[in-house]
């Protein structure tokens, strides 16, 4: 979905798509994360 400011896009699911309780999944594949270490995933979201 296009951003308001026009710089790129975000990913969205419009409310009218599908039936109640239907699921949509978007997966981020992580590679090269070092074992025994900590990471922080930060993201913007909107409901």
ModelCIF file with pLDDT and N, C-alpha, C, O atoms, coordinates in Angstrom:
data_MODEL
#
_entry.id   MODEL 
#
_entity.id                         1 
_entity.type                       polymer 
_entity.pdbx_number_of_molecules   1 
#
_entity_poly.entity_id                      1 
_entity_poly.type                           'polypeptide(L)' 
_entity_poly.nstd_linkage                   no 
_entity_poly.nstd_monomer                   no 
_entity_poly.pdbx_seq_one_letter_code       
;(UNK)(UNK)(UNK)(UNK)(UNK)(UNK)(UNK)(UNK)(UNK)(UNK)(UNK)(UNK)(UNK)(UNK)(UNK)(UNK)
(UNK)(UNK)(UNK)(UNK)(UNK)(UNK)(UNK)(UNK)(UNK)(UNK)(UNK)(UNK)(UNK)(UNK)(UNK)(UNK)
(UNK)(UNK)(UNK)(UNK)(UNK)(UNK)(UNK)(UNK)(UNK)(UNK)(UNK)(UNK)(UNK)(UNK)(UNK)
;
_entity_poly.pdbx_seq_one_letter_code_can   XXXXXXXXXXXXXXXXXXXXXXXXXXXXXXXXXXXXXXXXXXXXXXX 
_entity_poly.pdbx_strand_id                 A 
#
loop_
_entity_poly_seq.entity_id 
_entity_poly_seq.num 
_entity_poly_seq.mon_id 
_entity_poly_seq.hetero 
1 1  UNK n 
1 2  UNK n 
1 3  UNK n 
1 4  UNK n 
1 5  UNK n 
1 6  UNK n 
1 7  UNK n 
1 8  UNK n 
1 9  UNK n 
1 10 UNK n 
1 11 UNK n 
1 12 UNK n 
1 13 UNK n 
1 14 UNK n 
1 15 UNK n 
1 16 UNK n 
1 17 UNK n 
1 18 UNK n 
1 19 UNK n 
1 20 UNK n 
1 21 UNK n 
1 22 UNK n 
1 23 UNK n 
1 24 UNK n 
1 25 UNK n 
1 26 UNK n 
1 27 UNK n 
1 28 UNK n 
1 29 UNK n 
1 30 UNK n 
1 31 UNK n 
1 32 UNK n 
1 33 UNK n 
1 34 UNK n 
1 35 UNK n 
1 36 UNK n 
1 37 UNK n 
1 38 UNK n 
1 39 UNK n 
1 40 UNK n 
1 41 UNK n 
1 42 UNK n 
1 43 UNK n 
1 44 UNK n 
1 45 UNK n 
1 46 UNK n 
1 47 UNK n 
#
_struct_asym.id          A 
_struct_asym.entity_id   1 
#
loop_
_ma_qa_metric.id 
_ma_qa_metric.mode 
_ma_qa_metric.name 
_ma_qa_metric.software_group_id 
_ma_qa_metric.type 
1 global pLDDT . pLDDT 
2 local  pLDDT . pLDDT 
#
_ma_qa_metric_global.metric_id      1 
_ma_qa_metric_global.metric_value   89.26 
_ma_qa_metric_global.model_id       1 
_ma_qa_metric_global.ordinal_id     1 
#
loop_
_ma_qa_metric_local.label_asym_id 
_ma_qa_metric_local.label_comp_id 
_ma_qa_metric_local.label_seq_id 
_ma_qa_metric_local.metric_id 
_ma_qa_metric_local.metric_value 
_ma_qa_metric_local.model_id 
_ma_qa_metric_local.ordinal_id 
A UNK 1  2 92.00 1 1  
A UNK 2  2 89.00 1 2  
A UNK 3  2 83.00 1 3  
A UNK 4  2 79.00 1 4  
A UNK 5  2 77.00 1 5  
A UNK 6  2 74.00 1 6  
A UNK 7  2 77.00 1 7  
A UNK 8  2 82.00 1 8  
A UNK 9  2 91.00 1 9  
A UNK 10 2 94.00 1 10 
A UNK 11 2 95.00 1 11 
A UNK 12 2 95.00 1 12 
A UNK 13 2 94.00 1 13 
A UNK 14 2 91.00 1 14 
A UNK 15 2 90.00 1 15 
A UNK 16 2 88.00 1 16 
A UNK 17 2 87.00 1 17 
A UNK 18 2 90.00 1 18 
A UNK 19 2 92.00 1 19 
A UNK 20 2 92.00 1 20 
A UNK 21 2 95.00 1 21 
A UNK 22 2 96.00 1 22 
A UNK 23 2 96.00 1 23 
A UNK 24 2 96.00 1 24 
A UNK 25 2 96.00 1 25 
A UNK 26 2 96.00 1 26 
A UNK 27 2 94.00 1 27 
A UNK 28 2 93.00 1 28 
A UNK 29 2 89.00 1 29 
A UNK 30 2 85.00 1 30 
A UNK 31 2 76.00 1 31 
A UNK 32 2 75.00 1 32 
A UNK 33 2 80.00 1 33 
A UNK 34 2 81.00 1 34 
A UNK 35 2 78.00 1 35 
A UNK 36 2 83.00 1 36 
A UNK 37 2 87.00 1 37 
A UNK 38 2 90.00 1 38 
A UNK 39 2 92.00 1 39 
A UNK 40 2 95.00 1 40 
A UNK 41 2 95.00 1 41 
A UNK 42 2 96.00 1 42 
A UNK 43 2 97.00 1 43 
A UNK 44 2 96.00 1 44 
A UNK 45 2 96.00 1 45 
A UNK 46 2 95.00 1 46 
A UNK 47 2 95.00 1 47 
#
loop_
_atom_site.group_PDB 
_atom_site.id 
_atom_site.type_symbol 
_atom_site.label_atom_id 
_atom_site.label_alt_id 
_atom_site.label_comp_id 
_atom_site.label_asym_id 
_atom_site.label_entity_id 
_atom_site.label_seq_id 
_atom_site.pdbx_PDB_ins_code 
_atom_site.Cartn_x 
_atom_site.Cartn_y 
_atom_site.Cartn_z 
_atom_site.occupancy 
_atom_site.B_iso_or_equiv 
_atom_site.pdbx_formal_charge 
_atom_site.auth_seq_id 
_atom_site.auth_comp_id 
_atom_site.auth_asym_id 
_atom_site.auth_atom_id 
_atom_site.pdbx_PDB_model_num 
ATOM 1   N N  . UNK A 1 1  ? 0.869   -1.184  0.000  1.00 92.00 ? 1  UNK A N  1 
ATOM 2   C CA . UNK A 1 1  ? 0.000   0.000   0.000  1.00 92.00 ? 1  UNK A CA 1 
ATOM 3   C C  . UNK A 1 1  ? 0.900   1.226   0.000  1.00 92.00 ? 1  UNK A C  1 
ATOM 4   O O  . UNK A 1 1  ? 1.905   1.263   0.709  1.00 92.00 ? 1  UNK A O  1 
ATOM 5   N N  . UNK A 1 2  ? 0.541   2.227   -0.793 1.00 89.00 ? 2  UNK A N  1 
ATOM 6   C CA . UNK A 1 2  ? 1.382   3.424   -0.895 1.00 89.00 ? 2  UNK A CA 1 
ATOM 7   C C  . UNK A 1 2  ? 1.327   4.252   0.377  1.00 89.00 ? 2  UNK A C  1 
ATOM 8   O O  . UNK A 1 2  ? 0.269   4.411   0.986  1.00 89.00 ? 2  UNK A O  1 
ATOM 9   N N  . UNK A 1 3  ? 2.476   4.776   0.768  1.00 83.00 ? 3  UNK A N  1 
ATOM 10  C CA . UNK A 1 3  ? 2.516   5.677   1.922  1.00 83.00 ? 3  UNK A CA 1 
ATOM 11  C C  . UNK A 1 3  ? 1.931   7.030   1.560  1.00 83.00 ? 3  UNK A C  1 
ATOM 12  O O  . UNK A 1 3  ? 1.972   7.450   0.404  1.00 83.00 ? 3  UNK A O  1 
ATOM 13  N N  . UNK A 1 4  ? 1.384   7.711   2.569  1.00 79.00 ? 4  UNK A N  1 
ATOM 14  C CA . UNK A 1 4  ? 0.783   9.035   2.359  1.00 79.00 ? 4  UNK A CA 1 
ATOM 15  C C  . UNK A 1 4  ? 1.781   10.011  1.744  1.00 79.00 ? 4  UNK A C  1 
ATOM 16  O O  . UNK A 1 4  ? 1.441   10.794  0.856  1.00 79.00 ? 4  UNK A O  1 
ATOM 17  N N  . UNK A 1 5  ? 3.006   9.950   2.228  1.00 77.00 ? 5  UNK A N  1 
ATOM 18  C CA . UNK A 1 5  ? 4.015   10.910  1.760  1.00 77.00 ? 5  UNK A CA 1 
ATOM 19  C C  . UNK A 1 5  ? 4.618   10.511  0.413  1.00 77.00 ? 5  UNK A C  1 
ATOM 20  O O  . UNK A 1 5  ? 5.419   11.248  -0.160 1.00 77.00 ? 5  UNK A O  1 
ATOM 21  N N  . UNK A 1 6  ? 4.229   9.351   -0.078 1.00 74.00 ? 6  UNK A N  1 
ATOM 22  C CA . UNK A 1 6  ? 4.691   8.954   -1.400 1.00 74.00 ? 6  UNK A CA 1 
ATOM 23  C C  . UNK A 1 6  ? 6.069   8.332   -1.449 1.00 74.00 ? 6  UNK A C  1 
ATOM 24  O O  . UNK A 1 6  ? 6.559   8.013   -2.533 1.00 74.00 ? 6  UNK A O  1 
ATOM 25  N N  . UNK A 1 7  ? 6.725   8.146   -0.273 1.00 77.00 ? 7  UNK A N  1 
ATOM 26  C CA . UNK A 1 7  ? 8.073   7.565   -0.304 1.00 77.00 ? 7  UNK A CA 1 
ATOM 27  C C  . UNK A 1 7  ? 8.005   6.071   0.007  1.00 77.00 ? 7  UNK A C  1 
ATOM 28  O O  . UNK A 1 7  ? 8.157   5.646   1.152  1.00 77.00 ? 7  UNK A O  1 
ATOM 29  N N  . UNK A 1 8  ? 7.772   5.294   -1.044 1.00 82.00 ? 8  UNK A N  1 
ATOM 30  C CA . UNK A 1 8  ? 7.749   3.846   -0.863 1.00 82.00 ? 8  UNK A CA 1 
ATOM 31  C C  . UNK A 1 8  ? 6.388   3.338   -0.428 1.00 82.00 ? 8  UNK A C  1 
ATOM 32  O O  . UNK A 1 8  ? 5.373   4.015   -0.594 1.00 82.00 ? 8  UNK A O  1 
ATOM 33  N N  . UNK A 1 9  ? 6.379   2.140   0.130  1.00 91.00 ? 9  UNK A N  1 
ATOM 34  C CA . UNK A 1 9  ? 5.107   1.526   0.495  1.00 91.00 ? 9  UNK A CA 1 
ATOM 35  C C  . UNK A 1 9  ? 5.262   0.719   1.779  1.00 91.00 ? 9  UNK A C  1 
ATOM 36  O O  . UNK A 1 9  ? 6.368   0.465   2.255  1.00 91.00 ? 9  UNK A O  1 
ATOM 37  N N  . UNK A 1 10 ? 4.106   0.323   2.323  1.00 94.00 ? 10 UNK A N  1 
ATOM 38  C CA . UNK A 1 10 ? 4.077   -0.564  3.481  1.00 94.00 ? 10 UNK A CA 1 
ATOM 39  C C  . UNK A 1 10 ? 3.232   -1.777  3.108  1.00 94.00 ? 10 UNK A C  1 
ATOM 40  O O  . UNK A 1 10 ? 2.654   -1.804  2.021  1.00 94.00 ? 10 UNK A O  1 
ATOM 41  N N  . UNK A 1 11 ? 3.144   -2.773  3.975  1.00 95.00 ? 11 UNK A N  1 
ATOM 42  C CA . UNK A 1 11 ? 2.327   -3.953  3.691  1.00 95.00 ? 11 UNK A CA 1 
ATOM 43  C C  . UNK A 1 11 ? 1.066   -3.902  4.540  1.00 95.00 ? 11 UNK A C  1 
ATOM 44  O O  . UNK A 1 11 ? 1.116   -3.581  5.728  1.00 95.00 ? 11 UNK A O  1 
ATOM 45  N N  . UNK A 1 12 ? -0.075  -4.224  3.912  1.00 95.00 ? 12 UNK A N  1 
ATOM 46  C CA . UNK A 1 12 ? -1.349  -4.080  4.607  1.00 95.00 ? 12 UNK A CA 1 
ATOM 47  C C  . UNK A 1 12 ? -2.346  -5.151  4.182  1.00 95.00 ? 12 UNK A C  1 
ATOM 48  O O  . UNK A 1 12 ? -2.240  -5.763  3.119  1.00 95.00 ? 12 UNK A O  1 
ATOM 49  N N  . UNK A 1 13 ? -3.324  -5.344  5.071  1.00 94.00 ? 13 UNK A N  1 
ATOM 50  C CA . UNK A 1 13 ? -4.482  -6.179  4.772  1.00 94.00 ? 13 UNK A CA 1 
ATOM 51  C C  . UNK A 1 13 ? -5.714  -5.315  5.007  1.00 94.00 ? 13 UNK A C  1 
ATOM 52  O O  . UNK A 1 13 ? -5.989  -4.937  6.146  1.00 94.00 ? 13 UNK A O  1 
ATOM 53  N N  . UNK A 1 14 ? -6.468  -4.993  3.944  1.00 91.00 ? 14 UNK A N  1 
ATOM 54  C CA . UNK A 1 14 ? -7.687  -4.208  4.138  1.00 91.00 ? 14 UNK A CA 1 
ATOM 55  C C  . UNK A 1 14 ? -8.712  -5.012  4.948  1.00 91.00 ? 14 UNK A C  1 
ATOM 56  O O  . UNK A 1 14 ? -8.756  -6.239  4.863  1.00 91.00 ? 14 UNK A O  1 
ATOM 57  N N  . UNK A 1 15 ? -9.534  -4.306  5.735  1.00 90.00 ? 15 UNK A N  1 
ATOM 58  C CA . UNK A 1 15 ? -10.486 -4.969  6.631  1.00 90.00 ? 15 UNK A CA 1 
ATOM 59  C C  . UNK A 1 15 ? -11.512 -5.833  5.907  1.00 90.00 ? 15 UNK A C  1 
ATOM 60  O O  . UNK A 1 15 ? -12.020 -6.799  6.478  1.00 90.00 ? 15 UNK A O  1 
ATOM 61  N N  . UNK A 1 16 ? -11.822 -5.499  4.663  1.00 88.00 ? 16 UNK A N  1 
ATOM 62  C CA . UNK A 1 16 ? -12.896 -6.223  3.973  1.00 88.00 ? 16 UNK A CA 1 
ATOM 63  C C  . UNK A 1 16 ? -12.428 -7.509  3.288  1.00 88.00 ? 16 UNK A C  1 
ATOM 64  O O  . UNK A 1 16 ? -13.246 -8.219  2.704  1.00 88.00 ? 16 UNK A O  1 
ATOM 65  N N  . UNK A 1 17 ? -11.136 -7.822  3.345  1.00 87.00 ? 17 UNK A N  1 
ATOM 66  C CA . UNK A 1 17 ? -10.627 -9.009  2.659  1.00 87.00 ? 17 UNK A CA 1 
ATOM 67  C C  . UNK A 1 17 ? -10.930 -10.270 3.477  1.00 87.00 ? 17 UNK A C  1 
ATOM 68  O O  . UNK A 1 17 ? -10.654 -10.319 4.676  1.00 87.00 ? 17 UNK A O  1 
ATOM 69  N N  . UNK A 1 18 ? -11.494 -11.277 2.826  1.00 90.00 ? 18 UNK A N  1 
ATOM 70  C CA . UNK A 1 18 ? -11.709 -12.563 3.489  1.00 90.00 ? 18 UNK A CA 1 
ATOM 71  C C  . UNK A 1 18 ? -12.912 -12.565 4.411  1.00 90.00 ? 18 UNK A C  1 
ATOM 72  O O  . UNK A 1 18 ? -13.709 -11.628 4.420  1.00 90.00 ? 18 UNK A O  1 
ATOM 73  N N  . UNK A 1 19 ? -13.031 -13.641 5.193  1.00 92.00 ? 19 UNK A N  1 
ATOM 74  C CA . UNK A 1 19 ? -14.117 -13.825 6.146  1.00 92.00 ? 19 UNK A CA 1 
ATOM 75  C C  . UNK A 1 19 ? -13.579 -13.708 7.557  1.00 92.00 ? 19 UNK A C  1 
ATOM 76  O O  . UNK A 1 19 ? -12.371 -13.788 7.778  1.00 92.00 ? 19 UNK A O  1 
ATOM 77  N N  . UNK A 1 20 ? -14.486 -13.518 8.518  1.00 92.00 ? 20 UNK A N  1 
ATOM 78  C CA . UNK A 1 20 ? -14.076 -13.406 9.918  1.00 92.00 ? 20 UNK A CA 1 
ATOM 79  C C  . UNK A 1 20 ? -13.211 -14.606 10.296 1.00 92.00 ? 20 UNK A C  1 
ATOM 80  O O  . UNK A 1 20 ? -13.507 -15.738 9.915  1.00 92.00 ? 20 UNK A O  1 
ATOM 81  N N  . UNK A 1 21 ? -12.166 -14.354 11.030 1.00 95.00 ? 21 UNK A N  1 
ATOM 82  C CA . UNK A 1 21 ? -11.199 -15.352 11.506 1.00 95.00 ? 21 UNK A CA 1 
ATOM 83  C C  . UNK A 1 21 ? -10.244 -15.864 10.420 1.00 95.00 ? 21 UNK A C  1 
ATOM 84  O O  . UNK A 1 21 ? -9.375  -16.680 10.726 1.00 95.00 ? 21 UNK A O  1 
ATOM 85  N N  . UNK A 1 22 ? -10.370 -15.423 9.182  1.00 96.00 ? 22 UNK A N  1 
ATOM 86  C CA . UNK A 1 22 ? -9.384  -15.782 8.153  1.00 96.00 ? 22 UNK A CA 1 
ATOM 87  C C  . UNK A 1 22 ? -8.031  -15.192 8.548  1.00 96.00 ? 22 UNK A C  1 
ATOM 88  O O  . UNK A 1 22 ? -7.970  -14.155 9.210  1.00 96.00 ? 22 UNK A O  1 
ATOM 89  N N  . UNK A 1 23 ? -6.958  -15.849 8.142  1.00 96.00 ? 23 UNK A N  1 
ATOM 90  C CA . UNK A 1 23 ? -5.599  -15.421 8.481  1.00 96.00 ? 23 UNK A CA 1 
ATOM 91  C C  . UNK A 1 23 ? -4.789  -15.120 7.227  1.00 96.00 ? 23 UNK A C  1 
ATOM 92  O O  . UNK A 1 23 ? -4.941  -15.768 6.191  1.00 96.00 ? 23 UNK A O  1 
ATOM 93  N N  . UNK A 1 24 ? -3.916  -14.108 7.354  1.00 96.00 ? 24 UNK A N  1 
ATOM 94  C CA . UNK A 1 24 ? -2.926  -13.839 6.320  1.00 96.00 ? 24 UNK A CA 1 
ATOM 95  C C  . UNK A 1 24 ? -1.573  -13.748 6.994  1.00 96.00 ? 24 UNK A C  1 
ATOM 96  O O  . UNK A 1 24 ? -1.420  -13.024 7.977  1.00 96.00 ? 24 UNK A O  1 
ATOM 97  N N  . UNK A 1 25 ? -0.584  -14.473 6.479  1.00 96.00 ? 25 UNK A N  1 
ATOM 98  C CA . UNK A 1 25 ? 0.729   -14.483 7.121  1.00 96.00 ? 25 UNK A CA 1 
ATOM 99  C C  . UNK A 1 25 ? 1.821   -14.007 6.174  1.00 96.00 ? 25 UNK A C  1 
ATOM 100 O O  . UNK A 1 25 ? 1.899   -14.425 5.019  1.00 96.00 ? 25 UNK A O  1 
ATOM 101 N N  . UNK A 1 26 ? 2.656   -13.127 6.694  1.00 96.00 ? 26 UNK A N  1 
ATOM 102 C CA . UNK A 1 26 ? 3.803   -12.604 5.964  1.00 96.00 ? 26 UNK A CA 1 
ATOM 103 C C  . UNK A 1 26 ? 5.035   -12.964 6.773  1.00 96.00 ? 26 UNK A C  1 
ATOM 104 O O  . UNK A 1 26 ? 5.149   -12.602 7.945  1.00 96.00 ? 26 UNK A O  1 
ATOM 105 N N  . UNK A 1 27 ? 5.956   -13.678 6.142  1.00 94.00 ? 27 UNK A N  1 
ATOM 106 C CA . UNK A 1 27 ? 7.084   -14.244 6.877  1.00 94.00 ? 27 UNK A CA 1 
ATOM 107 C C  . UNK A 1 27 ? 8.388   -13.544 6.495  1.00 94.00 ? 27 UNK A C  1 
ATOM 108 O O  . UNK A 1 27 ? 8.690   -13.357 5.317  1.00 94.00 ? 27 UNK A O  1 
ATOM 109 N N  . UNK A 1 28 ? 9.140   -13.167 7.506  1.00 93.00 ? 28 UNK A N  1 
ATOM 110 C CA . UNK A 1 28 ? 10.468  -12.588 7.323  1.00 93.00 ? 28 UNK A CA 1 
ATOM 111 C C  . UNK A 1 28 ? 11.483  -13.689 7.594  1.00 93.00 ? 28 UNK A C  1 
ATOM 112 O O  . UNK A 1 28 ? 11.581  -14.191 8.714  1.00 93.00 ? 28 UNK A O  1 
ATOM 113 N N  . UNK A 1 29 ? 12.237  -14.061 6.565  1.00 89.00 ? 29 UNK A N  1 
ATOM 114 C CA . UNK A 1 29 ? 13.238  -15.111 6.724  1.00 89.00 ? 29 UNK A CA 1 
ATOM 115 C C  . UNK A 1 29 ? 14.534  -14.503 7.255  1.00 89.00 ? 29 UNK A C  1 
ATOM 116 O O  . UNK A 1 29 ? 15.067  -13.552 6.683  1.00 89.00 ? 29 UNK A O  1 
ATOM 117 N N  . UNK A 1 30 ? 15.026  -15.057 8.344  1.00 85.00 ? 30 UNK A N  1 
ATOM 118 C CA . UNK A 1 30 ? 16.240  -14.536 8.975  1.00 85.00 ? 30 UNK A CA 1 
ATOM 119 C C  . UNK A 1 30 ? 17.382  -15.492 8.704  1.00 85.00 ? 30 UNK A C  1 
ATOM 120 O O  . UNK A 1 30 ? 17.275  -16.694 8.949  1.00 85.00 ? 30 UNK A O  1 
ATOM 121 N N  . UNK A 1 31 ? 18.472  -14.952 8.197  1.00 76.00 ? 31 UNK A N  1 
ATOM 122 C CA . UNK A 1 31 ? 19.652  -15.787 7.991  1.00 76.00 ? 31 UNK A CA 1 
ATOM 123 C C  . UNK A 1 31 ? 20.816  -15.122 8.703  1.00 76.00 ? 31 UNK A C  1 
ATOM 124 O O  . UNK A 1 31 ? 20.782  -13.920 8.967  1.00 76.00 ? 31 UNK A O  1 
ATOM 125 N N  . UNK A 1 32 ? 21.816  -15.875 9.005  1.00 75.00 ? 32 UNK A N  1 
ATOM 126 C CA . UNK A 1 32 ? 23.058  -15.351 9.590  1.00 75.00 ? 32 UNK A CA 1 
ATOM 127 C C  . UNK A 1 32 ? 22.886  -14.701 10.957 1.00 75.00 ? 32 UNK A C  1 
ATOM 128 O O  . UNK A 1 32 ? 23.674  -13.824 11.310 1.00 75.00 ? 32 UNK A O  1 
ATOM 129 N N  . UNK A 1 33 ? 21.885  -15.099 11.740 1.00 80.00 ? 33 UNK A N  1 
ATOM 130 C CA . UNK A 1 33 ? 21.830  -14.604 13.117 1.00 80.00 ? 33 UNK A CA 1 
ATOM 131 C C  . UNK A 1 33 ? 22.773  -15.469 13.950 1.00 80.00 ? 33 UNK A C  1 
ATOM 132 O O  . UNK A 1 33 ? 22.741  -16.697 13.863 1.00 80.00 ? 33 UNK A O  1 
ATOM 133 N N  . UNK A 1 34 ? 23.603  -14.825 14.751 1.00 81.00 ? 34 UNK A N  1 
ATOM 134 C CA . UNK A 1 34 ? 24.595  -15.574 15.524 1.00 81.00 ? 34 UNK A CA 1 
ATOM 135 C C  . UNK A 1 34 ? 23.934  -16.272 16.708 1.00 81.00 ? 34 UNK A C  1 
ATOM 136 O O  . UNK A 1 34 ? 23.107  -15.675 17.398 1.00 81.00 ? 34 UNK A O  1 
ATOM 137 N N  . UNK A 1 35 ? 24.297  -17.547 16.950 1.00 78.00 ? 35 UNK A N  1 
ATOM 138 C CA . UNK A 1 35 ? 23.772  -18.241 18.132 1.00 78.00 ? 35 UNK A CA 1 
ATOM 139 C C  . UNK A 1 35 ? 24.251  -17.552 19.415 1.00 78.00 ? 35 UNK A C  1 
ATOM 140 O O  . UNK A 1 35 ? 25.265  -16.853 19.410 1.00 78.00 ? 35 UNK A O  1 
ATOM 141 N N  . UNK A 1 36 ? 23.521  -17.752 20.498 1.00 83.00 ? 36 UNK A N  1 
ATOM 142 C CA . UNK A 1 36 ? 23.865  -17.195 21.808 1.00 83.00 ? 36 UNK A CA 1 
ATOM 143 C C  . UNK A 1 36 ? 24.030  -15.673 21.769 1.00 83.00 ? 36 UNK A C  1 
ATOM 144 O O  . UNK A 1 36 ? 24.961  -15.124 22.357 1.00 83.00 ? 36 UNK A O  1 
ATOM 145 N N  . UNK A 1 37 ? 23.124  -15.012 21.076 1.00 87.00 ? 37 UNK A N  1 
ATOM 146 C CA . UNK A 1 37 ? 23.165  -13.552 21.059 1.00 87.00 ? 37 UNK A CA 1 
ATOM 147 C C  . UNK A 1 37 ? 21.735  -13.013 21.055 1.00 87.00 ? 37 UNK A C  1 
ATOM 148 O O  . UNK A 1 37 ? 20.781  -13.753 20.810 1.00 87.00 ? 37 UNK A O  1 
ATOM 149 N N  . UNK A 1 38 ? 21.601  -11.716 21.329 1.00 90.00 ? 38 UNK A N  1 
ATOM 150 C CA . UNK A 1 38 ? 20.283  -11.086 21.404 1.00 90.00 ? 38 UNK A CA 1 
ATOM 151 C C  . UNK A 1 38 ? 20.083  -10.133 20.238 1.00 90.00 ? 38 UNK A C  1 
ATOM 152 O O  . UNK A 1 38 ? 21.022  -9.494  19.763 1.00 90.00 ? 38 UNK A O  1 
ATOM 153 N N  . UNK A 1 39 ? 18.846  -10.055 19.793 1.00 92.00 ? 39 UNK A N  1 
ATOM 154 C CA . UNK A 1 39 ? 18.474  -9.124  18.736 1.00 92.00 ? 39 UNK A CA 1 
ATOM 155 C C  . UNK A 1 39 ? 17.176  -8.443  19.135 1.00 92.00 ? 39 UNK A C  1 
ATOM 156 O O  . UNK A 1 39 ? 16.434  -8.936  19.985 1.00 92.00 ? 39 UNK A O  1 
ATOM 157 N N  . UNK A 1 40 ? 16.913  -7.306  18.511 1.00 95.00 ? 40 UNK A N  1 
ATOM 158 C CA . UNK A 1 40 ? 15.662  -6.612  18.727 1.00 95.00 ? 40 UNK A CA 1 
ATOM 159 C C  . UNK A 1 40 ? 15.024  -6.345  17.370 1.00 95.00 ? 40 UNK A C  1 
ATOM 160 O O  . UNK A 1 40 ? 15.644  -5.760  16.482 1.00 95.00 ? 40 UNK A O  1 
ATOM 161 N N  . UNK A 1 41 ? 13.780  -6.782  17.224 1.00 95.00 ? 41 UNK A N  1 
ATOM 162 C CA . UNK A 1 41 ? 13.011  -6.507  16.017 1.00 95.00 ? 41 UNK A CA 1 
ATOM 163 C C  . UNK A 1 41 ? 12.103  -5.321  16.328 1.00 95.00 ? 41 UNK A C  1 
ATOM 164 O O  . UNK A 1 41 ? 11.269  -5.391  17.230 1.00 95.00 ? 41 UNK A O  1 
ATOM 165 N N  . UNK A 1 42 ? 12.267  -4.245  15.586 1.00 96.00 ? 42 UNK A N  1 
ATOM 166 C CA . UNK A 1 42 ? 11.459  -3.037  15.790 1.00 96.00 ? 42 UNK A CA 1 
ATOM 167 C C  . UNK A 1 42 ? 10.631  -2.824  14.521 1.00 96.00 ? 42 UNK A C  1 
ATOM 168 O O  . UNK A 1 42 ? 11.148  -2.951  13.412 1.00 96.00 ? 42 UNK A O  1 
ATOM 169 N N  . UNK A 1 43 ? 9.358   -2.502  14.684 1.00 97.00 ? 43 UNK A N  1 
ATOM 170 C CA . UNK A 1 43 ? 8.503   -2.319  13.510 1.00 97.00 ? 43 UNK A CA 1 
ATOM 171 C C  . UNK A 1 43 ? 7.404   -1.311  13.819 1.00 97.00 ? 43 UNK A C  1 
ATOM 172 O O  . UNK A 1 43 ? 7.044   -1.088  14.976 1.00 97.00 ? 43 UNK A O  1 
ATOM 173 N N  . UNK A 1 44 ? 6.883   -0.710  12.760 1.00 96.00 ? 44 UNK A N  1 
ATOM 174 C CA . UNK A 1 44 ? 5.721   0.164   12.881 1.00 96.00 ? 44 UNK A CA 1 
ATOM 175 C C  . UNK A 1 44 ? 4.492   -0.655  12.519 1.00 96.00 ? 44 UNK A C  1 
ATOM 176 O O  . UNK A 1 44 ? 4.537   -1.505  11.629 1.00 96.00 ? 44 UNK A O  1 
ATOM 177 N N  . UNK A 1 45 ? 3.396   -0.388  13.217 1.00 96.00 ? 45 UNK A N  1 
ATOM 178 C CA . UNK A 1 45 ? 2.174   -1.115  12.892 1.00 96.00 ? 45 UNK A CA 1 
ATOM 179 C C  . UNK A 1 45 ? 0.974   -0.185  13.091 1.00 96.00 ? 45 UNK A C  1 
ATOM 180 O O  . UNK A 1 45 ? 1.047   0.828   13.787 1.00 96.00 ? 45 UNK A O  1 
ATOM 181 N N  . UNK A 1 46 ? -0.121  -0.569  12.456 1.00 95.00 ? 46 UNK A N  1 
ATOM 182 C CA . UNK A 1 46 ? -1.349  0.209   12.584 1.00 95.00 ? 46 UNK A CA 1 
ATOM 183 C C  . UNK A 1 46 ? -2.548  -0.723  12.479 1.00 95.00 ? 46 UNK A C  1 
ATOM 184 O O  . UNK A 1 46 ? -2.621  -1.557  11.577 1.00 95.00 ? 46 UNK A O  1 
ATOM 185 N N  . UNK A 1 47 ? -3.485  -0.575  13.409 1.00 95.00 ? 47 UNK A N  1 
ATOM 186 C CA . UNK A 1 47 ? -4.764  -1.270  13.332 1.00 95.00 ? 47 UNK A CA 1 
ATOM 187 C C  . UNK A 1 47 ? -5.811  -0.161  13.221 1.00 95.00 ? 47 UNK A C  1 
ATOM 188 O O  . UNK A 1 47 ? -7.006  -0.446  13.139 1.00 95.00 ? 47 UNK A O  1 
#
